[in-house]
Amino acid sequence: MSELRPKKTLVIGASPNPDRYSNICINDLVFCNYPVVAIGLREGEVAGIRIQKGYPLFEDVHTVTLYLGPQNQELYVDYILDVIKPRRIIFNPGTYNPDFAERARQQGIIVDSKCTLLMLSGGYY
């Protein structure tokens, strides 16, 4: 597989439920030809992407997009910052966590408090 594909994205809070925004996000990322990996509470599949549980090791993740409220992020903060080491974290509406965002910025990670779906549809992902 070619590494020329840009902005490999890890969706955290992924759901196989088609009514969830994380599900729509995965579908949109796949449609826009972004490589996608996903973590959720339940295993499943969306648009051919396997949703995994726990803390799998993914390489070359450019962007983490969060679909977990701040109260549920604590289990993933160290994993994201110390294991995944993304270049960017997107806090979707309702997920912004100022302490997590500040820790990410201190490590040189770009922090966006935006909607991934709007970024994709607007062409500025």
PDB file of N, CA and C in Angstrom:
ATOM      1  N   MET A   1       0.837  -1.182   0.000  1.00  0.00           N
ATOM      2  CA  MET A   1       0.000   0.000   0.000  1.00  0.00           C
ATOM      3  C   MET A   1       0.881   1.244   0.000  1.00  0.00           C
ATOM      4  N   SER A   2       0.564   2.203  -0.802  1.00  0.00           N
ATOM      5  CA  SER A   2       1.350   3.417  -0.930  1.00  0.00           C
ATOM      6  C   SER A   2       1.186   4.324   0.272  1.00  0.00           C
ATOM      7  N   GLU A   3       2.297   4.935   0.701  1.00  0.00           N
ATOM      8  CA  GLU A   3       2.258   5.898   1.796  1.00  0.00           C
ATOM      9  C   GLU A   3       1.991   7.306   1.267  1.00  0.00           C
ATOM     10  N   LEU A   4       1.668   7.428  -0.001  1.00  0.00           N
ATOM     11  CA  LEU A   4       1.403   8.729  -0.583  1.00  0.00           C
ATOM     12  C   LEU A   4       0.014   9.250  -0.236  1.00  0.00           C
ATOM     13  N   ARG A   5      -0.813   8.409   0.327  1.00  0.00           N
ATOM     14  CA  ARG A   5      -2.159   8.835   0.692  1.00  0.00           C
ATOM     15  C   ARG A   5      -2.071   9.757   1.904  1.00  0.00           C
ATOM     16  N   PRO A   6      -2.684  10.930   1.834  1.00  0.00           N
ATOM     17  CA  PRO A   6      -2.503  11.923   2.893  1.00  0.00           C
ATOM     18  C   PRO A   6      -3.412  11.708   4.099  1.00  0.00           C
ATOM     19  N   LYS A   7      -2.982  12.270   5.204  1.00  0.00           N
ATOM     20  CA  LYS A   7      -3.785  12.451   6.405  1.00  0.00           C
ATOM     21  C   LYS A   7      -4.535  11.222   6.884  1.00  0.00           C
ATOM     22  N   LYS A   8      -3.784  10.162   7.129  1.00  0.00           N
ATOM     23  CA  LYS A   8      -4.387   8.986   7.749  1.00  0.00           C
ATOM     24  C   LYS A   8      -5.071   9.436   9.031  1.00  0.00           C
ATOM     25  N   THR A   9      -6.316   9.044   9.197  1.00  0.00           N
ATOM     26  CA  THR A   9      -7.142   9.547  10.289  1.00  0.00           C
ATOM     27  C   THR A   9      -7.603   8.424  11.192  1.00  0.00           C
ATOM     28  N   LEU A  10      -7.459   8.660  12.499  1.00  0.00           N
ATOM     29  CA  LEU A  10      -7.973   7.762  13.525  1.00  0.00           C
ATOM     30  C   LEU A  10      -9.238   8.389  14.100  1.00  0.00           C
ATOM     31  N   VAL A  11     -10.349   7.690  13.947  1.00  0.00           N
ATOM     32  CA  VAL A  11     -11.630   8.124  14.517  1.00  0.00           C
ATOM     33  C   VAL A  11     -11.780   7.429  15.864  1.00  0.00           C
ATOM     34  N   ILE A  12     -11.834   8.217  16.934  1.00  0.00           N
ATOM     35  CA  ILE A  12     -12.017   7.655  18.269  1.00  0.00           C
ATOM     36  C   ILE A  12     -13.426   7.977  18.742  1.00  0.00           C
ATOM     37  N   GLY A  13     -14.144   6.918  19.128  1.00  0.00           N
ATOM     38  CA  GLY A  13     -15.561   7.037  19.464  1.00  0.00           C
ATOM     39  C   GLY A  13     -16.406   6.551  18.302  1.00  0.00           C
ATOM     40  N   ALA A  14     -15.784   5.723  17.460  1.00  0.00           N
ATOM     41  CA  ALA A  14     -16.454   5.203  16.266  1.00  0.00           C
ATOM     42  C   ALA A  14     -17.619   4.295  16.648  1.00  0.00           C
ATOM     43  N   SER A  15     -18.659   4.347  15.832  1.00  0.00           N
ATOM     44  CA  SER A  15     -19.849   3.544  16.089  1.00  0.00           C
ATOM     45  C   SER A  15     -20.351   2.921  14.794  1.00  0.00           C
ATOM     46  N   PRO A  16     -20.803   1.658  14.868  1.00  0.00           N
ATOM     47  CA  PRO A  16     -21.416   1.043  13.687  1.00  0.00           C
ATOM     48  C   PRO A  16     -22.846   1.544  13.438  1.00  0.00           C
ATOM     49  N   ASN A  17     -23.380   2.349  14.348  1.00  0.00           N
ATOM     50  CA  ASN A  17     -24.730   2.895  14.211  1.00  0.00           C
ATOM     51  C   ASN A  17     -24.727   3.997  13.146  1.00  0.00           C
ATOM     52  N   PRO A  18     -25.474   3.808  12.044  1.00  0.00           N
ATOM     53  CA  PRO A  18     -25.445   4.789  10.955  1.00  0.00           C
ATOM     54  C   PRO A  18     -26.016   6.155  11.329  1.00  0.00           C
ATOM     55  N   ASP A  19     -26.666   6.266  12.476  1.00  0.00           N
ATOM     56  CA  ASP A  19     -27.198   7.548  12.918  1.00  0.00           C
ATOM     57  C   ASP A  19     -26.181   8.388  13.690  1.00  0.00           C
ATOM     58  N   ARG A  20     -25.030   7.809  14.009  1.00  0.00           N
ATOM     59  CA  ARG A  20     -24.006   8.507  14.791  1.00  0.00           C
ATOM     60  C   ARG A  20     -23.081   9.303  13.859  1.00  0.00           C
ATOM     61  N   TYR A  21     -22.655  10.478  14.333  1.00  0.00           N
ATOM     62  CA  TYR A  21     -21.774  11.323  13.524  1.00  0.00           C
ATOM     63  C   TYR A  21     -20.439  10.650  13.236  1.00  0.00           C
ATOM     64  N   SER A  22     -19.949   9.847  14.169  1.00  0.00           N
ATOM     65  CA  SER A  22     -18.683   9.148  13.924  1.00  0.00           C
ATOM     66  C   SER A  22     -18.811   8.203  12.735  1.00  0.00           C
ATOM     67  N   ASN A  23     -19.955   7.585  12.595  1.00  0.00           N
ATOM     68  CA  ASN A  23     -20.220   6.676  11.476  1.00  0.00           C
ATOM     69  C   ASN A  23     -20.240   7.468  10.164  1.00  0.00           C
ATOM     70  N   ILE A  24     -20.939   8.590  10.183  1.00  0.00           N
ATOM     71  CA  ILE A  24     -20.998   9.443   8.990  1.00  0.00           C
ATOM     72  C   ILE A  24     -19.599   9.929   8.629  1.00  0.00           C
ATOM     73  N   CYS A  25     -18.821  10.279   9.639  1.00  0.00           N
ATOM     74  CA  CYS A  25     -17.446  10.746   9.414  1.00  0.00           C
ATOM     75  C   CYS A  25     -16.612   9.673   8.717  1.00  0.00           C
ATOM     76  N   ILE A  26     -16.681   8.450   9.209  1.00  0.00           N
ATOM     77  CA  ILE A  26     -15.915   7.372   8.583  1.00  0.00           C
ATOM     78  C   ILE A  26     -16.328   7.217   7.127  1.00  0.00           C
ATOM     79  N   ASN A  27     -17.630   7.218   6.862  1.00  0.00           N
ATOM     80  CA  ASN A  27     -18.110   7.109   5.487  1.00  0.00           C
ATOM     81  C   ASN A  27     -17.588   8.249   4.618  1.00  0.00           C
ATOM     82  N   ASP A  28     -17.610   9.471   5.144  1.00  0.00           N
ATOM     83  CA  ASP A  28     -17.136  10.626   4.378  1.00  0.00           C
ATOM     84  C   ASP A  28     -15.630  10.567   4.134  1.00  0.00           C
ATOM     85  N   LEU A  29     -14.866  10.158   5.145  1.00  0.00           N
ATOM     86  CA  LEU A  29     -13.415  10.028   4.966  1.00  0.00           C
ATOM     87  C   LEU A  29     -13.095   8.991   3.891  1.00  0.00           C
ATOM     88  N   VAL A  30     -13.778   7.853   3.937  1.00  0.00           N
ATOM     89  CA  VAL A  30     -13.568   6.812   2.928  1.00  0.00           C
ATOM     90  C   VAL A  30     -13.961   7.339   1.556  1.00  0.00           C
ATOM     91  N   PHE A  31     -15.089   8.015   1.470  1.00  0.00           N
ATOM     92  CA  PHE A  31     -15.546   8.577   0.203  1.00  0.00           C
ATOM     93  C   PHE A  31     -14.521   9.553  -0.373  1.00  0.00           C
ATOM     94  N   CYS A  32     -13.872  10.322   0.503  1.00  0.00           N
ATOM     95  CA  CYS A  32     -12.868  11.305   0.075  1.00  0.00           C
ATOM     96  C   CYS A  32     -11.467  10.683  -0.072  1.00  0.00           C
ATOM     97  N   ASN A  33     -11.391   9.364   0.036  1.00  0.00           N
ATOM     98  CA  ASN A  33     -10.150   8.609  -0.170  1.00  0.00           C
ATOM     99  C   ASN A  33      -9.076   8.843   0.885  1.00  0.00           C
ATOM    100  N   TYR A  34      -9.475   9.166   2.103  1.00  0.00           N
ATOM    101  CA  TYR A  34      -8.516   9.245   3.202  1.00  0.00           C
ATOM    102  C   TYR A  34      -8.388   7.875   3.840  1.00  0.00           C
ATOM    103  N   PRO A  35      -7.183   7.462   4.185  1.00  0.00           N
ATOM    104  CA  PRO A  35      -7.023   6.216   4.925  1.00  0.00           C
ATOM    105  C   PRO A  35      -7.581   6.415   6.341  1.00  0.00           C
ATOM    106  N   VAL A  36      -8.319   5.419   6.821  1.00  0.00           N
ATOM    107  CA  VAL A  36      -9.028   5.552   8.092  1.00  0.00           C
ATOM    108  C   VAL A  36      -8.797   4.321   8.952  1.00  0.00           C
ATOM    109  N   VAL A  37      -8.627   4.562  10.259  1.00  0.00           N
ATOM    110  CA  VAL A  37      -8.643   3.521  11.272  1.00  0.00           C
ATOM    111  C   VAL A  37      -9.598   4.008  12.352  1.00  0.00           C
ATOM    112  N   ALA A  38     -10.158   3.073  13.132  1.00  0.00           N
ATOM    113  CA  ALA A  38     -11.209   3.473  14.060  1.00  0.00           C
ATOM    114  C   ALA A  38     -11.171   2.667  15.343  1.00  0.00           C
ATOM    115  N   ILE A  39     -11.512   3.361  16.440  1.00  0.00           N
ATOM    116  CA  ILE A  39     -11.634   2.744  17.753  1.00  0.00           C
ATOM    117  C   ILE A  39     -13.009   3.102  18.305  1.00  0.00           C
ATOM    118  N   GLY A  40     -13.674   2.110  18.884  1.00  0.00           N
ATOM    119  CA  GLY A  40     -14.973   2.349  19.499  1.00  0.00           C
ATOM    120  C   GLY A  40     -15.182   1.427  20.678  1.00  0.00           C
ATOM    121  N   LEU A  41     -16.318   1.579  21.331  1.00  0.00           N
ATOM    122  CA  LEU A  41     -16.662   0.721  22.463  1.00  0.00           C
ATOM    123  C   LEU A  41     -17.017  -0.693  22.020  1.00  0.00           C
ATOM    124  N   ARG A  42     -17.533  -0.792  20.797  1.00  0.00           N
ATOM    125  CA  ARG A  42     -17.922  -2.092  20.245  1.00  0.00           C
ATOM    126  C   ARG A  42     -17.225  -2.290  18.907  1.00  0.00           C
ATOM    127  N   GLU A  43     -16.813  -3.514  18.677  1.00  0.00           N
ATOM    128  CA  GLU A  43     -16.246  -3.820  17.372  1.00  0.00           C
ATOM    129  C   GLU A  43     -17.365  -3.812  16.340  1.00  0.00           C
ATOM    130  N   GLY A  44     -16.988  -3.562  15.136  1.00  0.00           N
ATOM    131  CA  GLY A  44     -17.947  -3.528  14.042  1.00  0.00           C
ATOM    132  C   GLY A  44     -17.228  -3.091  12.782  1.00  0.00           C
ATOM    133  N   GLU A  45     -18.000  -2.711  11.793  1.00  0.00           N
ATOM    134  CA  GLU A  45     -17.425  -2.276  10.533  1.00  0.00           C
ATOM    135  C   GLU A  45     -18.271  -1.163   9.939  1.00  0.00           C
ATOM    136  N   VAL A  46     -17.586  -0.176   9.372  1.00  0.00           N
ATOM    137  CA  VAL A  46     -18.241   0.941   8.697  1.00  0.00           C
ATOM    138  C   VAL A  46     -17.483   1.200   7.407  1.00  0.00           C
ATOM    139  N   ALA A  47     -18.170   1.156   6.294  1.00  0.00           N
ATOM    140  CA  ALA A  47     -17.564   1.460   4.989  1.00  0.00           C
ATOM    141  C   ALA A  47     -16.288   0.652   4.753  1.00  0.00           C
ATOM    142  N   GLY A  48     -16.277  -0.595   5.233  1.00  0.00           N
ATOM    143  CA  GLY A  48     -15.113  -1.455   5.061  1.00  0.00           C
ATOM    144  C   GLY A  48     -14.013  -1.222   6.078  1.00  0.00           C
ATOM    145  N   ILE A  49     -14.222  -0.313   7.015  1.00  0.00           N
ATOM    146  CA  ILE A  49     -13.232  -0.012   8.055  1.00  0.00           C
ATOM    147  C   ILE A  49     -13.635  -0.755   9.326  1.00  0.00           C
ATOM    148  N   ARG A  50     -12.712  -1.537   9.851  1.00  0.00           N
ATOM    149  CA  ARG A  50     -12.974  -2.292  11.073  1.00  0.00           C
ATOM    150  C   ARG A  50     -12.848  -1.397  12.299  1.00  0.00           C
ATOM    151  N   ILE A  51     -13.871  -1.373  13.124  1.00  0.00           N
ATOM    152  CA  ILE A  51     -13.797  -0.649  14.393  1.00  0.00           C
ATOM    153  C   ILE A  51     -13.180  -1.591  15.415  1.00  0.00           C
ATOM    154  N   GLN A  52     -12.095  -1.144  16.017  1.00  0.00           N
ATOM    155  CA  GLN A  52     -11.397  -1.952  17.014  1.00  0.00           C
ATOM    156  C   GLN A  52     -11.646  -1.397  18.409  1.00  0.00           C
ATOM    157  N   LYS A  53     -11.456  -2.234  19.393  1.00  0.00           N
ATOM    158  CA  LYS A  53     -11.565  -1.828  20.791  1.00  0.00           C
ATOM    159  C   LYS A  53     -10.174  -1.700  21.392  1.00  0.00           C
ATOM    160  N   GLY A  54     -10.087  -0.980  22.512  1.00  0.00           N
ATOM    161  CA  GLY A  54      -8.821  -0.905  23.236  1.00  0.00           C
ATOM    162  C   GLY A  54      -7.877   0.134  22.685  1.00  0.00           C
ATOM    163  N   TYR A  55      -6.595  -0.247  22.664  1.00  0.00           N
ATOM    164  CA  TYR A  55      -5.526   0.675  22.300  1.00  0.00           C
ATOM    165  C   TYR A  55      -4.618   0.053  21.239  1.00  0.00           C
ATOM    166  N   PRO A  56      -5.146  -0.188  20.059  1.00  0.00           N
ATOM    167  CA  PRO A  56      -4.309  -0.807  19.022  1.00  0.00           C
ATOM    168  C   PRO A  56      -3.204   0.154  18.561  1.00  0.00           C
ATOM    169  N   LEU A  57      -2.133  -0.431  18.095  1.00  0.00           N
ATOM    170  CA  LEU A  57      -1.024   0.361  17.588  1.00  0.00           C
ATOM    171  C   LEU A  57      -1.268   0.654  16.105  1.00  0.00           C
ATOM    172  N   PHE A  58      -1.443   1.922  15.799  1.00  0.00           N
ATOM    173  CA  PHE A  58      -1.592   2.363  14.412  1.00  0.00           C
ATOM    174  C   PHE A  58      -0.388   3.222  14.085  1.00  0.00           C
ATOM    175  N   GLU A  59       0.161   3.036  12.904  1.00  0.00           N
ATOM    176  CA  GLU A  59       1.327   3.813  12.487  1.00  0.00           C
ATOM    177  C   GLU A  59       0.925   4.930  11.540  1.00  0.00           C
ATOM    178  N   ASP A  60       1.716   5.986  11.561  1.00  0.00           N
ATOM    179  CA  ASP A  60       1.591   7.096  10.619  1.00  0.00           C
ATOM    180  C   ASP A  60       0.221   7.770  10.641  1.00  0.00           C
ATOM    181  N   VAL A  61      -0.358   7.931  11.826  1.00  0.00           N
ATOM    182  CA  VAL A  61      -1.629   8.643  11.938  1.00  0.00           C
ATOM    183  C   VAL A  61      -1.344  10.140  11.913  1.00  0.00           C
ATOM    184  N   HIS A  62      -1.917  10.819  10.954  1.00  0.00           N
ATOM    185  CA  HIS A  62      -1.770  12.271  10.850  1.00  0.00           C
ATOM    186  C   HIS A  62      -2.759  12.978  11.771  1.00  0.00           C
ATOM    187  N   THR A  63      -4.021  12.540  11.736  1.00  0.00           N
ATOM    188  CA  THR A  63      -5.094  13.231  12.441  1.00  0.00           C
ATOM    189  C   THR A  63      -5.884  12.268  13.309  1.00  0.00           C
ATOM    190  N   VAL A  64      -6.167  12.706  14.536  1.00  0.00           N
ATOM    191  CA  VAL A  64      -7.120  12.017  15.401  1.00  0.00           C
ATOM    192  C   VAL A  64      -8.353  12.898  15.457  1.00  0.00           C
ATOM    193  N   THR A  65      -9.511  12.339  15.154  1.00  0.00           N
ATOM    194  CA  THR A  65     -10.753  13.089  15.277  1.00  0.00           C
ATOM    195  C   THR A  65     -11.589  12.437  16.375  1.00  0.00           C
ATOM    196  N   LEU A  66     -12.001  13.261  17.338  1.00  0.00           N
ATOM    197  CA  LEU A  66     -12.647  12.744  18.541  1.00  0.00           C
ATOM    198  C   LEU A  66     -14.167  12.841  18.484  1.00  0.00           C
ATOM    199  N   TYR A  67     -14.799  11.744  18.816  1.00  0.00           N
ATOM    200  CA  TYR A  67     -16.251  11.674  18.986  1.00  0.00           C
ATOM    201  C   TYR A  67     -16.557  11.126  20.372  1.00  0.00           C
ATOM    202  N   LEU A  68     -15.780  11.579  21.351  1.00  0.00           N
ATOM    203  CA  LEU A  68     -15.970  11.226  22.763  1.00  0.00           C
ATOM    204  C   LEU A  68     -16.043  12.521  23.556  1.00  0.00           C
ATOM    205  N   GLY A  69     -16.994  12.600  24.466  1.00  0.00           N
ATOM    206  CA  GLY A  69     -17.068  13.756  25.341  1.00  0.00           C
ATOM    207  C   GLY A  69     -15.851  13.825  26.240  1.00  0.00           C
ATOM    208  N   PRO A  70     -15.546  15.021  26.769  1.00  0.00           N
ATOM    209  CA  PRO A  70     -14.369  15.181  27.625  1.00  0.00           C
ATOM    210  C   PRO A  70     -14.327  14.190  28.789  1.00  0.00           C
ATOM    211  N   GLN A  71     -15.464  13.843  29.340  1.00  0.00           N
ATOM    212  CA  GLN A  71     -15.513  12.927  30.476  1.00  0.00           C
ATOM    213  C   GLN A  71     -15.058  11.513  30.104  1.00  0.00           C
ATOM    214  N   ASN A  72     -15.063  11.185  28.832  1.00  0.00           N
ATOM    215  CA  ASN A  72     -14.659   9.852  28.378  1.00  0.00           C
ATOM    216  C   ASN A  72     -13.297   9.834  27.692  1.00  0.00           C
ATOM    217  N   GLN A  73     -12.639  10.967  27.622  1.00  0.00           N
ATOM    218  CA  GLN A  73     -11.366  11.057  26.913  1.00  0.00           C
ATOM    219  C   GLN A  73     -10.162  10.643  27.747  1.00  0.00           C
ATOM    220  N   GLU A  74     -10.272  10.725  29.063  1.00  0.00           N
ATOM    221  CA  GLU A  74      -9.112  10.511  29.932  1.00  0.00           C
ATOM    222  C   GLU A  74      -8.411   9.181  29.661  1.00  0.00           C
ATOM    223  N   LEU A  75      -9.185   8.147  29.340  1.00  0.00           N
ATOM    224  CA  LEU A  75      -8.602   6.830  29.057  1.00  0.00           C
ATOM    225  C   LEU A  75      -7.733   6.829  27.795  1.00  0.00           C
ATOM    226  N   TYR A  76      -7.894   7.843  26.952  1.00  0.00           N
ATOM    227  CA  TYR A  76      -7.198   7.869  25.664  1.00  0.00           C
ATOM    228  C   TYR A  76      -6.120   8.941  25.554  1.00  0.00           C
ATOM    229  N   VAL A  77      -6.054   9.872  26.482  1.00  0.00           N
ATOM    230  CA  VAL A  77      -5.131  11.003  26.353  1.00  0.00           C
ATOM    231  C   VAL A  77      -3.684  10.535  26.196  1.00  0.00           C
ATOM    232  N   ASP A  78      -3.188   9.738  27.133  1.00  0.00           N
ATOM    233  CA  ASP A  78      -1.796   9.276  27.047  1.00  0.00           C
ATOM    234  C   ASP A  78      -1.575   8.409  25.808  1.00  0.00           C
ATOM    235  N   TYR A  79      -2.537   7.582  25.476  1.00  0.00           N
ATOM    236  CA  TYR A  79      -2.458   6.736  24.278  1.00  0.00           C
ATOM    237  C   TYR A  79      -2.287   7.614  23.033  1.00  0.00           C
ATOM    238  N   ILE A  80      -3.113   8.651  22.925  1.00  0.00           N
ATOM    239  CA  ILE A  80      -3.046   9.523  21.753  1.00  0.00           C
ATOM    240  C   ILE A  80      -1.719  10.281  21.715  1.00  0.00           C
ATOM    241  N   LEU A  81      -1.355  10.888  22.833  1.00  0.00           N
ATOM    242  CA  LEU A  81      -0.163  11.740  22.854  1.00  0.00           C
ATOM    243  C   LEU A  81       1.147  10.961  22.816  1.00  0.00           C
ATOM    244  N   ASP A  82       1.208   9.822  23.501  1.00  0.00           N
ATOM    245  CA  ASP A  82       2.474   9.104  23.651  1.00  0.00           C
ATOM    246  C   ASP A  82       2.646   7.906  22.717  1.00  0.00           C
ATOM    247  N   VAL A  83       1.549   7.355  22.229  1.00  0.00           N
ATOM    248  CA  VAL A  83       1.634   6.178  21.354  1.00  0.00           C
ATOM    249  C   VAL A  83       1.313   6.557  19.910  1.00  0.00           C
ATOM    250  N   ILE A  84       0.184   7.193  19.689  1.00  0.00           N
ATOM    251  CA  ILE A  84      -0.229   7.546  18.321  1.00  0.00           C
ATOM    252  C   ILE A  84       0.592   8.716  17.789  1.00  0.00           C
ATOM    253  N   LYS A  85       0.816   9.726  18.616  1.00  0.00           N
ATOM    254  CA  LYS A  85       1.614  10.901  18.251  1.00  0.00           C
ATOM    255  C   LYS A  85       1.160  11.534  16.927  1.00  0.00           C
ATOM    256  N   PRO A  86      -0.104  11.960  16.868  1.00  0.00           N
ATOM    257  CA  PRO A  86      -0.600  12.551  15.615  1.00  0.00           C
ATOM    258  C   PRO A  86      -0.030  13.941  15.392  1.00  0.00           C
ATOM    259  N   ARG A  87      -0.190  14.438  14.199  1.00  0.00           N
ATOM    260  CA  ARG A  87       0.203  15.817  13.904  1.00  0.00           C
ATOM    261  C   ARG A  87      -0.938  16.778  14.232  1.00  0.00           C
ATOM    262  N   ARG A  88      -2.189  16.233  14.281  1.00  0.00           N
ATOM    263  CA  ARG A  88      -3.353  17.092  14.516  1.00  0.00           C
ATOM    264  C   ARG A  88      -4.410  16.311  15.293  1.00  0.00           C
ATOM    265  N   ILE A  89      -5.122  17.028  16.173  1.00  0.00           N
ATOM    266  CA  ILE A  89      -6.283  16.476  16.867  1.00  0.00           C
ATOM    267  C   ILE A  89      -7.460  17.393  16.588  1.00  0.00           C
ATOM    268  N   ILE A  90      -8.564  16.801  16.152  1.00  0.00           N
ATOM    269  CA  ILE A  90      -9.788  17.567  15.921  1.00  0.00           C
ATOM    270  C   ILE A  90     -10.773  17.240  17.046  1.00  0.00           C
ATOM    271  N   PHE A  91     -11.157  18.283  17.766  1.00  0.00           N
ATOM    272  CA  PHE A  91     -12.193  18.167  18.785  1.00  0.00           C
ATOM    273  C   PHE A  91     -13.509  18.558  18.112  1.00  0.00           C
ATOM    274  N   ASN A  92     -14.337  17.578  17.802  1.00  0.00           N
ATOM    275  CA  ASN A  92     -15.625  17.853  17.186  1.00  0.00           C
ATOM    276  C   ASN A  92     -16.544  18.526  18.205  1.00  0.00           C
ATOM    277  N   PRO A  93     -17.653  19.142  17.751  1.00  0.00           N
ATOM    278  CA  PRO A  93     -18.556  19.815  18.688  1.00  0.00           C
ATOM    279  C   PRO A  93     -18.931  18.906  19.870  1.00  0.00           C
ATOM    280  N   GLY A  94     -18.819  19.470  21.061  1.00  0.00           N
ATOM    281  CA  GLY A  94     -19.148  18.739  22.281  1.00  0.00           C
ATOM    282  C   GLY A  94     -18.005  17.927  22.857  1.00  0.00           C
ATOM    283  N   THR A  95     -16.840  17.948  22.202  1.00  0.00           N
ATOM    284  CA  THR A  95     -15.717  17.126  22.664  1.00  0.00           C
ATOM    285  C   THR A  95     -14.543  17.953  23.176  1.00  0.00           C
ATOM    286  N   TYR A  96     -14.618  19.271  23.072  1.00  0.00           N
ATOM    287  CA  TYR A  96     -13.449  20.087  23.424  1.00  0.00           C
ATOM    288  C   TYR A  96     -13.087  19.907  24.894  1.00  0.00           C
ATOM    289  N   ASN A  97     -11.793  19.701  25.126  1.00  0.00           N
ATOM    290  CA  ASN A  97     -11.254  19.458  26.455  1.00  0.00           C
ATOM    291  C   ASN A  97     -10.020  20.355  26.586  1.00  0.00           C
ATOM    292  N   PRO A  98     -10.131  21.485  27.317  1.00  0.00           N
ATOM    293  CA  PRO A  98      -9.016  22.435  27.357  1.00  0.00           C
ATOM    294  C   PRO A  98      -7.717  21.860  27.911  1.00  0.00           C
ATOM    295  N   ASP A  99      -7.785  20.994  28.909  1.00  0.00           N
ATOM    296  CA  ASP A  99      -6.561  20.414  29.465  1.00  0.00           C
ATOM    297  C   ASP A  99      -5.865  19.502  28.458  1.00  0.00           C
ATOM    298  N   PHE A 100      -6.636  18.658  27.798  1.00  0.00           N
ATOM    299  CA  PHE A 100      -6.106  17.761  26.771  1.00  0.00           C
ATOM    300  C   PHE A 100      -5.539  18.586  25.615  1.00  0.00           C
ATOM    301  N   ALA A 101      -6.282  19.603  25.190  1.00  0.00           N
ATOM    302  CA  ALA A 101      -5.835  20.447  24.078  1.00  0.00           C
ATOM    303  C   ALA A 101      -4.508  21.130  24.415  1.00  0.00           C
ATOM    304  N   GLU A 102      -4.370  21.623  25.634  1.00  0.00           N
ATOM    305  CA  GLU A 102      -3.131  22.291  26.038  1.00  0.00           C
ATOM    306  C   GLU A 102      -1.958  21.315  26.060  1.00  0.00           C
ATOM    307  N   ARG A 103      -2.173  20.121  26.574  1.00  0.00           N
ATOM    308  CA  ARG A 103      -1.102  19.109  26.567  1.00  0.00           C
ATOM    309  C   ARG A 103      -0.669  18.802  25.137  1.00  0.00           C
ATOM    310  N   ALA A 104      -1.650  18.698  24.235  1.00  0.00           N
ATOM    311  CA  ALA A 104      -1.332  18.421  22.825  1.00  0.00           C
ATOM    312  C   ALA A 104      -0.518  19.568  22.225  1.00  0.00           C
ATOM    313  N   ARG A 105      -0.946  20.790  22.465  1.00  0.00           N
ATOM    314  CA  ARG A 105      -0.214  21.952  21.937  1.00  0.00           C
ATOM    315  C   ARG A 105       1.220  21.992  22.450  1.00  0.00           C
ATOM    316  N   GLN A 106       1.408  21.637  23.716  1.00  0.00           N
ATOM    317  CA  GLN A 106       2.749  21.633  24.299  1.00  0.00           C
ATOM    318  C   GLN A 106       3.660  20.622  23.601  1.00  0.00           C
ATOM    319  N   GLN A 107       3.063  19.615  22.977  1.00  0.00           N
ATOM    320  CA  GLN A 107       3.852  18.630  22.230  1.00  0.00           C
ATOM    321  C   GLN A 107       3.947  18.979  20.745  1.00  0.00           C
ATOM    322  N   GLY A 108       3.471  20.157  20.376  1.00  0.00           N
ATOM    323  CA  GLY A 108       3.567  20.602  18.990  1.00  0.00           C
ATOM    324  C   GLY A 108       2.480  20.060  18.082  1.00  0.00           C
ATOM    325  N   ILE A 109       1.423  19.530  18.665  1.00  0.00           N
ATOM    326  CA  ILE A 109       0.309  18.981  17.892  1.00  0.00           C
ATOM    327  C   ILE A 109      -0.671  20.106  17.567  1.00  0.00           C
ATOM    328  N   ILE A 110      -1.118  20.153  16.335  1.00  0.00           N
ATOM    329  CA  ILE A 110      -2.132  21.124  15.919  1.00  0.00           C
ATOM    330  C   ILE A 110      -3.453  20.716  16.554  1.00  0.00           C
ATOM    331  N   VAL A 111      -4.141  21.675  17.151  1.00  0.00           N
ATOM    332  CA  VAL A 111      -5.431  21.417  17.782  1.00  0.00           C
ATOM    333  C   VAL A 111      -6.496  22.227  17.055  1.00  0.00           C
ATOM    334  N   ASP A 112      -7.529  21.536  16.577  1.00  0.00           N
ATOM    335  CA  ASP A 112      -8.667  22.191  15.925  1.00  0.00           C
ATOM    336  C   ASP A 112      -9.923  21.870  16.710  1.00  0.00           C
ATOM    337  N   SER A 113     -10.703  22.892  16.995  1.00  0.00           N
ATOM    338  CA  SER A 113     -12.013  22.698  17.604  1.00  0.00           C
ATOM    339  C   SER A 113     -13.031  22.994  16.508  1.00  0.00           C
ATOM    340  N   LYS A 114     -13.246  21.993  15.674  1.00  0.00           N
ATOM    341  CA  LYS A 114     -14.094  22.152  14.484  1.00  0.00           C
ATOM    342  C   LYS A 114     -14.863  20.865  14.249  1.00  0.00           C
ATOM    343  N   CYS A 115     -15.696  20.884  13.262  1.00  0.00           N
ATOM    344  CA  CYS A 115     -16.466  19.706  12.873  1.00  0.00           C
ATOM    345  C   CYS A 115     -15.791  19.046  11.669  1.00  0.00           C
ATOM    346  N   THR A 116     -15.361  17.819  11.862  1.00  0.00           N
ATOM    347  CA  THR A 116     -14.693  17.090  10.776  1.00  0.00           C
ATOM    348  C   THR A 116     -15.589  16.997   9.543  1.00  0.00           C
ATOM    349  N   LEU A 117     -16.879  16.786   9.748  1.00  0.00           N
ATOM    350  CA  LEU A 117     -17.798  16.662   8.614  1.00  0.00           C
ATOM    351  C   LEU A 117     -17.837  17.954   7.796  1.00  0.00           C
ATOM    352  N   LEU A 118     -17.859  19.098   8.466  1.00  0.00           N
ATOM    353  CA  LEU A 118     -17.856  20.380   7.744  1.00  0.00           C
ATOM    354  C   LEU A 118     -16.513  20.619   7.063  1.00  0.00           C
ATOM    355  N   MET A 119     -15.443  20.233   7.725  1.00  0.00           N
ATOM    356  CA  MET A 119     -14.116  20.374   7.127  1.00  0.00           C
ATOM    357  C   MET A 119     -14.029  19.578   5.832  1.00  0.00           C
ATOM    358  N   LEU A 120     -14.528  18.346   5.863  1.00  0.00           N
ATOM    359  CA  LEU A 120     -14.506  17.508   4.662  1.00  0.00           C
ATOM    360  C   LEU A 120     -15.385  18.088   3.554  1.00  0.00           C
ATOM    361  N   SER A 121     -16.607  18.468   3.897  1.00  0.00           N
ATOM    362  CA  SER A 121     -17.526  18.963   2.869  1.00  0.00           C
ATOM    363  C   SER A 121     -17.078  20.326   2.334  1.00  0.00           C
ATOM    364  N   GLY A 122     -16.368  21.099   3.179  1.00  0.00           N
ATOM    365  CA  GLY A 122     -15.888  22.395   2.749  1.00  0.00           C
ATOM    366  C   GLY A 122     -14.561  22.363   2.024  1.00  0.00           C
ATOM    367  N   GLY A 123     -13.937  21.187   1.992  1.00  0.00           N
ATOM    368  CA  GLY A 123     -12.684  21.053   1.259  1.00  0.00           C
ATOM    369  C   GLY A 123     -11.473  21.586   1.997  1.00  0.00           C
ATOM    370  N   TYR A 124     -11.551  21.778   3.316  1.00  0.00           N
ATOM    371  CA  TYR A 124     -10.392  22.268   4.062  1.00  0.00           C
ATOM    372  C   TYR A 124      -9.961  21.303   5.152  1.00  0.00           C
ATOM    373  N   TYR A 125     -10.158  20.025   4.890  1.00  0.00           N
ATOM    374  CA  TYR A 125      -9.721  19.013   5.837  1.00  0.00           C
ATOM    375  C   TYR A 125      -8.210  18.913   5.824  1.00  0.00           C
TER     376      TYR A 125
END
